[in-house]
């Protein structure tokens, strides 16, 4: 089964995550099918915290990919920020 999940990158004590579509049997930071964005939990100032390729995520979801809880939350946050007020 394909999952959309976080793959950790970055240095020790400075986490950075790639959002990837991967086979659920592969290790967390192992082989993946496609990179769909990134999440930087310790972004400060003008640094970008979250970037998602929404079209590709929608494609993988339509193909039956299951997002993890954390990624599902990030997708919701991203959708809310794109909508804007009104």
C-alpha atoms as a PDB file:
ATOM      1  CA  UNK A   1       0.000   0.000   0.000  1.00  0.00           C
ATOM      2  CA  UNK A   2       1.215   3.503  -0.801  1.00  0.00           C
ATOM      3  CA  UNK A   3       1.358   5.984   2.072  1.00  0.00           C
ATOM      4  CA  UNK A   4       1.997   9.721   2.093  1.00  0.00           C
ATOM      5  CA  UNK A   5       4.311  10.329   5.023  1.00  0.00           C
ATOM      6  CA  UNK A   6       7.174  12.350   6.456  1.00  0.00           C
ATOM      7  CA  UNK A   7      10.774  11.276   5.784  1.00  0.00           C
ATOM      8  CA  UNK A   8      13.232  12.890   8.166  1.00  0.00           C
ATOM      9  CA  UNK A   9      16.191  14.844   6.848  1.00  0.00           C
ATOM     10  CA  UNK A  10      18.299  17.663   8.276  1.00  0.00           C
ATOM     11  CA  UNK A  11      20.954  17.594  10.957  1.00  0.00           C
ATOM     12  CA  UNK A  12      20.934  16.415  14.548  1.00  0.00           C
ATOM     13  CA  UNK A  13      18.591  18.607  16.636  1.00  0.00           C
ATOM     14  CA  UNK A  14      17.558  20.454  13.415  1.00  0.00           C
ATOM     15  CA  UNK A  15      14.778  18.330  11.889  1.00  0.00           C
ATOM     16  CA  UNK A  16      13.510  18.859   8.372  1.00  0.00           C
ATOM     17  CA  UNK A  17      10.990  16.579   6.724  1.00  0.00           C
ATOM     18  CA  UNK A  18      10.310  15.660   3.113  1.00  0.00           C
ATOM     19  CA  UNK A  19       6.699  14.728   2.409  1.00  0.00           C
ATOM     20  CA  UNK A  20       6.843  11.632   0.216  1.00  0.00           C
ATOM     21  CA  UNK A  21       4.670   8.984  -1.388  1.00  0.00           C
ATOM     22  CA  UNK A  22       6.231   5.651  -0.442  1.00  0.00           C
ATOM     23  CA  UNK A  23       5.436   1.974  -0.162  1.00  0.00           C
ATOM     24  CA  UNK A  24       4.385   1.330   3.433  1.00  0.00           C
ATOM     25  CA  UNK A  25       6.848  -1.590   3.670  1.00  0.00           C
ATOM     26  CA  UNK A  26       9.879   0.647   3.043  1.00  0.00           C
ATOM     27  CA  UNK A  27      11.734   2.269   5.970  1.00  0.00           C
ATOM     28  CA  UNK A  28      10.708   5.771   7.061  1.00  0.00           C
ATOM     29  CA  UNK A  29      13.748   7.454   5.511  1.00  0.00           C
ATOM     30  CA  UNK A  30      14.234   4.843   2.786  1.00  0.00           C
ATOM     31  CA  UNK A  31      13.162   4.538  -0.802  1.00  0.00           C
ATOM     32  CA  UNK A  32      10.174   6.561  -1.940  1.00  0.00           C
ATOM     33  CA  UNK A  33       8.134   6.865  -5.128  1.00  0.00           C
ATOM     34  CA  UNK A  34       7.815  10.654  -5.337  1.00  0.00           C
ATOM     35  CA  UNK A  35       8.652  13.709  -3.238  1.00  0.00           C
ATOM     36  CA  UNK A  36       5.548  15.839  -2.709  1.00  0.00           C
ATOM     37  CA  UNK A  37       6.828  18.728  -0.613  1.00  0.00           C
ATOM     38  CA  UNK A  38       8.547  19.577   2.650  1.00  0.00           C
ATOM     39  CA  UNK A  39       7.844  20.589   6.236  1.00  0.00           C
ATOM     40  CA  UNK A  40      10.293  22.652   8.307  1.00  0.00           C
ATOM     41  CA  UNK A  41       9.023  22.630  11.924  1.00  0.00           C
ATOM     42  CA  UNK A  42      11.722  25.000  13.193  1.00  0.00           C
ATOM     43  CA  UNK A  43      11.428  27.654  10.474  1.00  0.00           C
ATOM     44  CA  UNK A  44      11.918  31.170  11.764  1.00  0.00           C
ATOM     45  CA  UNK A  45      11.575  34.614  10.292  1.00  0.00           C
ATOM     46  CA  UNK A  46      10.819  34.582   6.574  1.00  0.00           C
ATOM     47  CA  UNK A  47      11.781  30.923   6.076  1.00  0.00           C
ATOM     48  CA  UNK A  48       9.124  28.803   4.410  1.00  0.00           C
ATOM     49  CA  UNK A  49       7.559  26.343   6.861  1.00  0.00           C
ATOM     50  CA  UNK A  50       5.462  24.174   4.555  1.00  0.00           C
ATOM     51  CA  UNK A  51       5.271  23.565   0.814  1.00  0.00           C
ATOM     52  CA  UNK A  52       3.066  20.920  -0.795  1.00  0.00           C
ATOM     53  CA  UNK A  53       2.491  19.980  -4.416  1.00  0.00           C
ATOM     54  CA  UNK A  54      -1.287  19.873  -4.010  1.00  0.00           C
ATOM     55  CA  UNK A  55      -2.030  18.476  -7.488  1.00  0.00           C
ATOM     56  CA  UNK A  56       0.289  15.503  -6.968  1.00  0.00           C
ATOM     57  CA  UNK A  57      -1.068  14.866  -3.472  1.00  0.00           C
ATOM     58  CA  UNK A  58      -4.606  14.832  -4.864  1.00  0.00           C
ATOM     59  CA  UNK A  59      -3.444  12.400  -7.558  1.00  0.00           C
ATOM     60  CA  UNK A  60      -1.955   9.987  -5.008  1.00  0.00           C
ATOM     61  CA  UNK A  61      -5.034  10.222  -2.786  1.00  0.00           C
ATOM     62  CA  UNK A  62      -7.215   9.386  -5.819  1.00  0.00           C
ATOM     63  CA  UNK A  63      -5.006   6.337  -6.417  1.00  0.00           C
ATOM     64  CA  UNK A  64      -5.736   5.094  -2.879  1.00  0.00           C
ATOM     65  CA  UNK A  65      -2.671   6.361  -1.006  1.00  0.00           C
ATOM     66  CA  UNK A  66      -3.222   6.764   2.736  1.00  0.00           C
ATOM     67  CA  UNK A  67      -1.738   9.852   4.448  1.00  0.00           C
ATOM     68  CA  UNK A  68      -0.400   9.526   7.979  1.00  0.00           C
ATOM     69  CA  UNK A  69      -2.151  11.510  10.736  1.00  0.00           C
ATOM     70  CA  UNK A  70       0.530  14.186  10.737  1.00  0.00           C
ATOM     71  CA  UNK A  71       0.522  14.577   6.946  1.00  0.00           C
ATOM     72  CA  UNK A  72      -3.294  14.713   6.861  1.00  0.00           C
ATOM     73  CA  UNK A  73      -3.106  17.605   9.334  1.00  0.00           C
ATOM     74  CA  UNK A  74      -0.489  19.390   7.216  1.00  0.00           C
ATOM     75  CA  UNK A  75      -2.663  18.976   4.106  1.00  0.00           C
ATOM     76  CA  UNK A  76      -5.586  20.582   5.980  1.00  0.00           C
ATOM     77  CA  UNK A  77      -3.389  23.465   7.172  1.00  0.00           C
ATOM     78  CA  UNK A  78      -2.113  24.025   3.625  1.00  0.00           C
ATOM     79  CA  UNK A  79      -5.640  23.929   2.160  1.00  0.00           C
ATOM     80  CA  UNK A  80      -6.801  26.472   4.757  1.00  0.00           C
ATOM     81  CA  UNK A  81      -3.939  28.856   4.067  1.00  0.00           C
ATOM     82  CA  UNK A  82      -4.531  28.702   0.286  1.00  0.00           C
ATOM     83  CA  UNK A  83      -8.250  29.528   0.669  1.00  0.00           C
ATOM     84  CA  UNK A  84      -7.594  32.767   2.509  1.00  0.00           C
ATOM     85  CA  UNK A  85     -10.242  34.953   4.161  1.00  0.00           C
ATOM     86  CA  UNK A  86     -13.676  35.317   2.617  1.00  0.00           C
END
